[in-house]
Every structure is written in structure tokens, then in C-alpha cells.
Amino acid sequence: MPKGSPERTAARKEEIINACEKLYQTMSFKDITLKEIGNETSFSRPTIYNYFQTKEEIFLALYEREYDRWNEELTGILQNNETLPKEQMAEKIAISIANREQLLKLLSMNNYDMEANSRPELLTSFKVAYGESMKNVHRILAKFCPEKSVQEIQDFIYVFFPFMFGIYPYTAVTDKQRNVMKQANVDYVYQSVFEITNNCLLKLL
């Protein structure tokens, strides 16, 4: 465990996560290394090992932060509205997801490898944030769709959360992918994150 105040530890972890996030804007997961991440921080690469042992642990922390930020938006929906028609509820949830493109990009990755190469305590911390998002969606549905049974809400969650893993690949399309789809004669209708999410939510509700 690194020496220093909790504030310094938190600040250094945040700097490492920010460095990873910056690289992830222009590089793929497989191309990002601990050396690359270390080059983006104000301290030496070996210092990173005081906080994270693998690249996957850093990505998991970034993943957790994205869930925390989404949870803030979901909590806002819950607390700032007394009632919501289904169309407005779907719209607000869809907007909250459209605001979290980084989360969607992380969801599209191979999570099995990320979790397999992270220590249990960090994986548990991540699962708390992930679990809270499921609870928040459950709370929103229970409040604004009181006619739904507990089983119906659970069924909704177990359809919608796996659906989220596919949002990014279906909406973040490169010119190369568009050209290949055209050459393959695939008549694909491109949608934004909001459109594809909102349509799914309306059908599930």
C-alpha cells in the first residue's frame, strides 16, 4: 500500500485514471500499456504499481468512475421528478446514457479479461458502482411505473443492461465501416446513441 495521505493517494489514482482516459480517446485498449500511461503522469511509471498492478485494473477504475457518473444522473432523474410519463422517463434515461459515451465504449470491450486481471478488492469496488446503477434503474421503474411487478422490473433490467453492451458498436461507426457495409450491400439504418436507446426503452416499457 502506498505511503502518504488519503488525499495524495486519491489524487494520484485520479491522475493515473485520467491518463488512461486520455490515451483511450485515440488508442485502442490493446495498444495502451502501463508505460504509455506512465508517460502521461507527473510521476515515474514504477510508482503506478503502488496503486494499480495491471493495465486492466486502471481500466476497471475508469469503468467504475463512469458508472458513478451515470449513477449521479440516474439519481437526479429519481429525485427531481415526482411523476414521469413513460415517454419522458425513456427520454431522460436515454439522454443520461447518451452523455456516457465513455461508459458505452468500455462496455463494448472484453470485460472478462479486464475482470480476470484485477484484484478482488478492486473488482468488488467496481461491482458496487455497477450494482448501484441496476438499483437506480429499479428505483426509477418502481417510482414511475408503479403498475410493474418486481418480476417485470427485474425482467426489464436483465434485457436492458445486456443491450447496453451493444450500443457503442452500433452507433460509433467509422468511415471504413460505412464503406464496407455499402460494399456488402447491407442496408443498415444508422442511429445515434439517444435514438437507439430511446427506441429500446419505449419498447421495453
C-alpha atoms as a PDB file:
ATOM      1  CA  MET A   1       0.000   0.000   0.000  1.00  0.00           C
ATOM      2  CA  PRO A   2       1.495   3.390  -0.932  1.00  0.00           C
ATOM      3  CA  LYS A   3       2.564   5.733   1.802  1.00  0.00           C
ATOM      4  CA  GLY A   4       1.059   9.181   2.049  1.00  0.00           C
ATOM      5  CA  SER A   5      -2.175  10.869   2.963  1.00  0.00           C
ATOM      6  CA  PRO A   6      -5.509   9.544   1.681  1.00  0.00           C
ATOM      7  CA  GLU A   7      -5.833  12.769  -0.288  1.00  0.00           C
ATOM      8  CA  ARG A   8      -2.490  12.210  -2.042  1.00  0.00           C
ATOM      9  CA  THR A   9      -3.372   8.583  -2.773  1.00  0.00           C
ATOM     10  CA  ALA A  10      -6.742   9.605  -4.221  1.00  0.00           C
ATOM     11  CA  ALA A  11      -5.142  12.377  -6.294  1.00  0.00           C
ATOM     12  CA  ARG A  12      -2.520  10.048  -7.761  1.00  0.00           C
ATOM     13  CA  LYS A  13      -5.104   7.388  -8.582  1.00  0.00           C
ATOM     14  CA  GLU A  14      -7.199  10.036 -10.290  1.00  0.00           C
ATOM     15  CA  GLU A  15      -4.188  11.225 -12.288  1.00  0.00           C
ATOM     16  CA  ILE A  16      -3.490   7.677 -13.449  1.00  0.00           C
ATOM     17  CA  ILE A  17      -7.132   7.139 -14.414  1.00  0.00           C
ATOM     18  CA  ASN A  18      -7.185  10.472 -16.257  1.00  0.00           C
ATOM     19  CA  ALA A  19      -4.032   9.485 -18.156  1.00  0.00           C
ATOM     20  CA  CYS A  20      -5.657   6.210 -19.177  1.00  0.00           C
ATOM     21  CA  GLU A  21      -8.815   8.032 -20.256  1.00  0.00           C
ATOM     22  CA  LYS A  22      -6.800  10.487 -22.365  1.00  0.00           C
ATOM     23  CA  LEU A  23      -4.984   7.700 -24.188  1.00  0.00           C
ATOM     24  CA  TYR A  24      -8.220   5.790 -24.723  1.00  0.00           C
ATOM     25  CA  GLN A  25      -9.547   8.705 -26.767  1.00  0.00           C
ATOM     26  CA  THR A  26      -7.092   7.961 -29.575  1.00  0.00           C
ATOM     27  CA  MET A  27      -5.700   4.459 -28.872  1.00  0.00           C
ATOM     28  CA  SER A  28      -7.214   1.006 -28.551  1.00  0.00           C
ATOM     29  CA  PHE A  29      -7.200  -0.963 -25.324  1.00  0.00           C
ATOM     30  CA  LYS A  30      -4.640  -3.470 -26.645  1.00  0.00           C
ATOM     31  CA  ASP A  31      -2.222  -0.703 -27.681  1.00  0.00           C
ATOM     32  CA  ILE A  32      -2.256   1.109 -24.338  1.00  0.00           C
ATOM     33  CA  THR A  33       0.488  -0.037 -21.967  1.00  0.00           C
ATOM     34  CA  LEU A  34       1.466   0.858 -18.427  1.00  0.00           C
ATOM     35  CA  LYS A  35       4.491   2.617 -19.939  1.00  0.00           C
ATOM     36  CA  GLU A  36       2.211   4.776 -22.111  1.00  0.00           C
ATOM     37  CA  ILE A  37       0.024   5.590 -19.115  1.00  0.00           C
ATOM     38  CA  GLY A  38       3.075   6.404 -17.005  1.00  0.00           C
ATOM     39  CA  ASN A  39       4.322   8.830 -19.650  1.00  0.00           C
ATOM     40  CA  GLU A  40       1.110  10.827 -19.211  1.00  0.00           C
ATOM     41  CA  THR A  41       1.527  11.192 -15.437  1.00  0.00           C
ATOM     42  CA  SER A  42       3.717  13.523 -13.387  1.00  0.00           C
ATOM     43  CA  PHE A  43       5.492  10.670 -11.619  1.00  0.00           C
ATOM     44  CA  SER A  44       7.561   7.658 -12.655  1.00  0.00           C
ATOM     45  CA  ARG A  45       5.999   4.532 -14.129  1.00  0.00           C
ATOM     46  CA  PRO A  46       7.094   2.275 -11.227  1.00  0.00           C
ATOM     47  CA  THR A  47       5.031   4.490  -8.912  1.00  0.00           C
ATOM     48  CA  ILE A  48       1.886   3.306 -10.695  1.00  0.00           C
ATOM     49  CA  TYR A  49       2.414  -0.155  -9.208  1.00  0.00           C
ATOM     50  CA  ASN A  50       1.785   1.318  -5.774  1.00  0.00           C
ATOM     51  CA  TYR A  51      -1.827   1.866  -6.853  1.00  0.00           C
ATOM     52  CA  PHE A  52      -2.556  -0.481  -9.749  1.00  0.00           C
ATOM     53  CA  GLN A  53      -0.857  -3.759 -10.606  1.00  0.00           C
ATOM     54  CA  THR A  54      -2.162  -4.185 -14.155  1.00  0.00           C
ATOM     55  CA  LYS A  55      -3.461  -2.132 -17.056  1.00  0.00           C
ATOM     56  CA  GLU A  56      -6.797  -3.865 -16.598  1.00  0.00           C
ATOM     57  CA  GLU A  57      -7.076  -2.525 -13.036  1.00  0.00           C
ATOM     58  CA  ILE A  58      -6.686   1.034 -14.314  1.00  0.00           C
ATOM     59  CA  PHE A  59      -9.360   0.492 -16.943  1.00  0.00           C
ATOM     60  CA  LEU A  60     -11.599  -1.069 -14.318  1.00  0.00           C
ATOM     61  CA  ALA A  61     -11.197   2.076 -12.193  1.00  0.00           C
ATOM     62  CA  LEU A  62     -12.096   4.210 -15.217  1.00  0.00           C
ATOM     63  CA  TYR A  63     -15.081   1.938 -15.781  1.00  0.00           C
ATOM     64  CA  GLU A  64     -16.146   2.357 -12.140  1.00  0.00           C
ATOM     65  CA  ARG A  65     -15.889   6.148 -12.381  1.00  0.00           C
ATOM     66  CA  GLU A  66     -18.139   6.112 -15.443  1.00  0.00           C
ATOM     67  CA  TYR A  67     -20.762   4.102 -13.558  1.00  0.00           C
ATOM     68  CA  ASP A  68     -20.511   6.549 -10.642  1.00  0.00           C
ATOM     69  CA  ARG A  69     -21.162   9.444 -13.011  1.00  0.00           C
ATOM     70  CA  TRP A  70     -24.119   7.658 -14.600  1.00  0.00           C
ATOM     71  CA  ASN A  71     -25.478   6.934 -11.124  1.00  0.00           C
ATOM     72  CA  GLU A  72     -25.433  10.660 -10.392  1.00  0.00           C
ATOM     73  CA  GLU A  73     -27.621  11.269 -13.440  1.00  0.00           C
ATOM     74  CA  LEU A  74     -29.976   8.411 -12.588  1.00  0.00           C
ATOM     75  CA  THR A  75     -30.300   9.713  -9.032  1.00  0.00           C
ATOM     76  CA  GLY A  76     -31.131  13.140 -10.456  1.00  0.00           C
ATOM     77  CA  ILE A  77     -33.967  11.630 -12.516  1.00  0.00           C
ATOM     78  CA  LEU A  78     -35.285   9.927  -9.413  1.00  0.00           C
ATOM     79  CA  GLN A  79     -35.054  12.919  -7.094  1.00  0.00           C
ATOM     80  CA  ASN A  80     -36.030  15.762  -9.424  1.00  0.00           C
ATOM     81  CA  ASN A  81     -39.317  14.330 -10.657  1.00  0.00           C
ATOM     82  CA  GLU A  82     -42.465  13.427  -8.769  1.00  0.00           C
ATOM     83  CA  THR A  83     -44.092  11.707 -11.743  1.00  0.00           C
ATOM     84  CA  LEU A  84     -42.953  10.874 -15.268  1.00  0.00           C
ATOM     85  CA  PRO A  85     -44.947   9.508 -18.210  1.00  0.00           C
ATOM     86  CA  LYS A  86     -43.188   6.540 -19.808  1.00  0.00           C
ATOM     87  CA  GLU A  87     -42.152   8.570 -22.855  1.00  0.00           C
ATOM     88  CA  GLN A  88     -40.453  11.219 -20.712  1.00  0.00           C
ATOM     89  CA  MET A  89     -38.846   8.613 -18.462  1.00  0.00           C
ATOM     90  CA  ALA A  90     -37.429   6.799 -21.502  1.00  0.00           C
ATOM     91  CA  GLU A  91     -36.171  10.122 -22.884  1.00  0.00           C
ATOM     92  CA  LYS A  92     -34.408  11.087 -19.660  1.00  0.00           C
ATOM     93  CA  ILE A  93     -32.730   7.695 -19.268  1.00  0.00           C
ATOM     94  CA  ALA A  94     -31.706   7.734 -22.944  1.00  0.00           C
ATOM     95  CA  ILE A  95     -30.188  11.204 -22.525  1.00  0.00           C
ATOM     96  CA  SER A  96     -28.261  10.041 -19.445  1.00  0.00           C
ATOM     97  CA  ILE A  97     -26.788   7.168 -21.476  1.00  0.00           C
ATOM     98  CA  ALA A  98     -26.017   9.393 -24.458  1.00  0.00           C
ATOM     99  CA  ASN A  99     -23.977  11.516 -22.015  1.00  0.00           C
ATOM    100  CA  ARG A 100     -21.857   8.486 -21.121  1.00  0.00           C
ATOM    101  CA  GLU A 101     -20.187   7.530 -24.396  1.00  0.00           C
ATOM    102  CA  GLN A 102     -17.050   6.543 -22.490  1.00  0.00           C
ATOM    103  CA  LEU A 103     -19.072   4.037 -20.458  1.00  0.00           C
ATOM    104  CA  LEU A 104     -20.597   2.599 -23.631  1.00  0.00           C
ATOM    105  CA  LYS A 105     -17.149   2.257 -25.218  1.00  0.00           C
ATOM    106  CA  LEU A 106     -15.885   0.404 -22.142  1.00  0.00           C
ATOM    107  CA  LEU A 107     -18.969  -1.823 -22.150  1.00  0.00           C
ATOM    108  CA  SER A 108     -18.139  -2.921 -25.700  1.00  0.00           C
ATOM    109  CA  MET A 109     -14.743  -4.273 -24.589  1.00  0.00           C
ATOM    110  CA  ASN A 110     -13.896  -7.772 -23.356  1.00  0.00           C
ATOM    111  CA  ASN A 111     -14.908  -7.394 -19.721  1.00  0.00           C
ATOM    112  CA  TYR A 112     -13.931 -10.960 -18.871  1.00  0.00           C
ATOM    113  CA  ASP A 113     -10.239 -10.220 -19.396  1.00  0.00           C
ATOM    114  CA  MET A 114     -10.469  -6.935 -17.516  1.00  0.00           C
ATOM    115  CA  GLU A 115     -12.075  -8.569 -14.502  1.00  0.00           C
ATOM    116  CA  ALA A 116      -9.816 -11.631 -14.621  1.00  0.00           C
ATOM    117  CA  ASN A 117      -6.717  -9.427 -14.400  1.00  0.00           C
ATOM    118  CA  SER A 118      -7.889  -7.264 -11.494  1.00  0.00           C
ATOM    119  CA  ARG A 119      -7.562  -7.912  -7.769  1.00  0.00           C
ATOM    120  CA  PRO A 120     -10.727  -8.944  -5.909  1.00  0.00           C
ATOM    121  CA  GLU A 121     -10.896  -5.761  -3.814  1.00  0.00           C
ATOM    122  CA  LEU A 122     -10.841  -3.538  -6.917  1.00  0.00           C
ATOM    123  CA  LEU A 123     -13.328  -5.761  -8.708  1.00  0.00           C
ATOM    124  CA  THR A 124     -15.637  -5.558  -5.689  1.00  0.00           C
ATOM    125  CA  SER A 125     -15.431  -1.761  -5.691  1.00  0.00           C
ATOM    126  CA  PHE A 126     -16.345  -1.744  -9.380  1.00  0.00           C
ATOM    127  CA  LYS A 127     -19.259  -4.135  -8.834  1.00  0.00           C
ATOM    128  CA  VAL A 128     -20.648  -1.814  -6.146  1.00  0.00           C
ATOM    129  CA  ALA A 129     -20.863   1.022  -8.692  1.00  0.00           C
ATOM    130  CA  TYR A 130     -22.294  -1.306 -11.337  1.00  0.00           C
ATOM    131  CA  GLY A 131     -24.799  -2.751  -8.881  1.00  0.00           C
ATOM    132  CA  GLU A 132     -25.879   0.728  -7.819  1.00  0.00           C
ATOM    133  CA  SER A 133     -26.787   1.562 -11.410  1.00  0.00           C
ATOM    134  CA  MET A 134     -29.037  -1.508 -11.539  1.00  0.00           C
ATOM    135  CA  LYS A 135     -30.622  -0.466  -8.249  1.00  0.00           C
ATOM    136  CA  ASN A 136     -31.156   3.074  -9.536  1.00  0.00           C
ATOM    137  CA  VAL A 137     -32.914   1.840 -12.672  1.00  0.00           C
ATOM    138  CA  HIS A 138     -35.007  -0.428 -10.441  1.00  0.00           C
ATOM    139  CA  ARG A 139     -35.905   2.553  -8.227  1.00  0.00           C
ATOM    140  CA  ILE A 140     -36.839   4.689 -11.238  1.00  0.00           C
ATOM    141  CA  LEU A 141     -39.132   1.996 -12.629  1.00  0.00           C
ATOM    142  CA  ALA A 142     -40.686   1.302  -9.235  1.00  0.00           C
ATOM    143  CA  LYS A 143     -41.428   5.010  -8.725  1.00  0.00           C
ATOM    144  CA  PHE A 144     -42.634   5.997 -12.188  1.00  0.00           C
ATOM    145  CA  CYS A 145     -44.178   2.683 -13.300  1.00  0.00           C
ATOM    146  CA  PRO A 146     -45.958   1.522 -10.119  1.00  0.00           C
ATOM    147  CA  GLU A 147     -48.062  -0.919 -12.129  1.00  0.00           C
ATOM    148  CA  LYS A 148     -44.975  -3.039 -12.850  1.00  0.00           C
ATOM    149  CA  SER A 149     -44.343  -6.022 -10.600  1.00  0.00           C
ATOM    150  CA  VAL A 150     -40.931  -6.773  -9.084  1.00  0.00           C
ATOM    151  CA  GLN A 151     -40.537  -9.589 -11.620  1.00  0.00           C
ATOM    152  CA  GLU A 152     -41.382  -7.288 -14.533  1.00  0.00           C
ATOM    153  CA  ILE A 153     -38.825  -4.741 -13.335  1.00  0.00           C
ATOM    154  CA  GLN A 154     -36.187  -7.444 -12.988  1.00  0.00           C
ATOM    155  CA  ASP A 155     -37.003  -8.744 -16.474  1.00  0.00           C
ATOM    156  CA  PHE A 156     -36.602  -5.188 -17.808  1.00  0.00           C
ATOM    157  CA  ILE A 157     -33.175  -4.833 -16.175  1.00  0.00           C
ATOM    158  CA  TYR A 158     -31.948  -8.188 -17.476  1.00  0.00           C
ATOM    159  CA  VAL A 159     -32.874  -7.202 -21.013  1.00  0.00           C
ATOM    160  CA  PHE A 160     -31.754  -3.577 -20.933  1.00  0.00           C
ATOM    161  CA  PHE A 161     -28.353  -3.942 -19.256  1.00  0.00           C
ATOM    162  CA  PRO A 162     -27.085  -6.593 -21.723  1.00  0.00           C
ATOM    163  CA  PHE A 163     -28.467  -4.388 -24.529  1.00  0.00           C
ATOM    164  CA  MET A 164     -26.140  -1.595 -23.368  1.00  0.00           C
ATOM    165  CA  PHE A 165     -23.089  -3.701 -24.297  1.00  0.00           C
ATOM    166  CA  GLY A 166     -24.014  -3.348 -27.956  1.00  0.00           C
ATOM    167  CA  ILE A 167     -24.891   0.343 -28.132  1.00  0.00           C
ATOM    168  CA  TYR A 168     -21.386   1.640 -28.880  1.00  0.00           C
ATOM    169  CA  PRO A 169     -20.578  -0.729 -31.779  1.00  0.00           C
ATOM    170  CA  TYR A 170     -23.923   0.084 -33.394  1.00  0.00           C
ATOM    171  CA  THR A 171     -23.566   3.862 -33.085  1.00  0.00           C
ATOM    172  CA  ALA A 172     -19.815   4.677 -33.237  1.00  0.00           C
ATOM    173  CA  VAL A 173     -19.280   3.793 -36.895  1.00  0.00           C
ATOM    174  CA  THR A 174     -16.123   4.738 -38.798  1.00  0.00           C
ATOM    175  CA  ASP A 175     -15.994   5.759 -42.465  1.00  0.00           C
ATOM    176  CA  LYS A 176     -14.253   2.463 -43.183  1.00  0.00           C
ATOM    177  CA  GLN A 177     -17.127   0.510 -41.627  1.00  0.00           C
ATOM    178  CA  ARG A 178     -19.722   2.548 -43.535  1.00  0.00           C
ATOM    179  CA  ASN A 179     -17.935   1.893 -46.841  1.00  0.00           C
ATOM    180  CA  VAL A 180     -17.627  -1.830 -46.138  1.00  0.00           C
ATOM    181  CA  MET A 181     -21.321  -2.071 -45.219  1.00  0.00           C
ATOM    182  CA  LYS A 182     -22.157  -0.344 -48.505  1.00  0.00           C
ATOM    183  CA  GLN A 183     -19.916  -2.684 -50.493  1.00  0.00           C
ATOM    184  CA  ALA A 184     -21.504  -5.658 -48.725  1.00  0.00           C
ATOM    185  CA  ASN A 185     -24.963  -4.354 -49.743  1.00  0.00           C
ATOM    186  CA  VAL A 186     -26.095  -4.198 -46.124  1.00  0.00           C
ATOM    187  CA  ASP A 187     -28.971  -1.750 -45.840  1.00  0.00           C
ATOM    188  CA  TYR A 188     -28.212  -0.545 -42.312  1.00  0.00           C
ATOM    189  CA  VAL A 189     -30.027   2.398 -40.719  1.00  0.00           C
ATOM    190  CA  TYR A 190     -27.565   4.336 -38.559  1.00  0.00           C
ATOM    191  CA  GLN A 191     -28.893   5.774 -35.302  1.00  0.00           C
ATOM    192  CA  SER A 192     -27.491   7.957 -32.540  1.00  0.00           C
ATOM    193  CA  VAL A 193     -26.961   6.662 -29.002  1.00  0.00           C
ATOM    194  CA  PHE A 194     -30.078   8.544 -27.925  1.00  0.00           C
ATOM    195  CA  GLU A 195     -32.225   7.188 -30.761  1.00  0.00           C
ATOM    196  CA  ILE A 196     -31.286   3.532 -30.370  1.00  0.00           C
ATOM    197  CA  THR A 197     -31.567   3.696 -26.573  1.00  0.00           C
ATOM    198  CA  ASN A 198     -34.822   5.596 -26.513  1.00  0.00           C
ATOM    199  CA  ASN A 199     -36.401   3.191 -29.014  1.00  0.00           C
ATOM    200  CA  CYS A 200     -35.330   0.194 -26.909  1.00  0.00           C
ATOM    201  CA  LEU A 201     -36.660   1.741 -23.707  1.00  0.00           C
ATOM    202  CA  LEU A 202     -40.033   2.568 -25.252  1.00  0.00           C
ATOM    203  CA  LYS A 203     -40.437  -1.000 -26.490  1.00  0.00           C
ATOM    204  CA  LEU A 204     -39.481  -2.465 -23.110  1.00  0.00           C
ATOM    205  CA  LEU A 205     -41.810  -0.116 -21.222  1.00  0.00           C
END
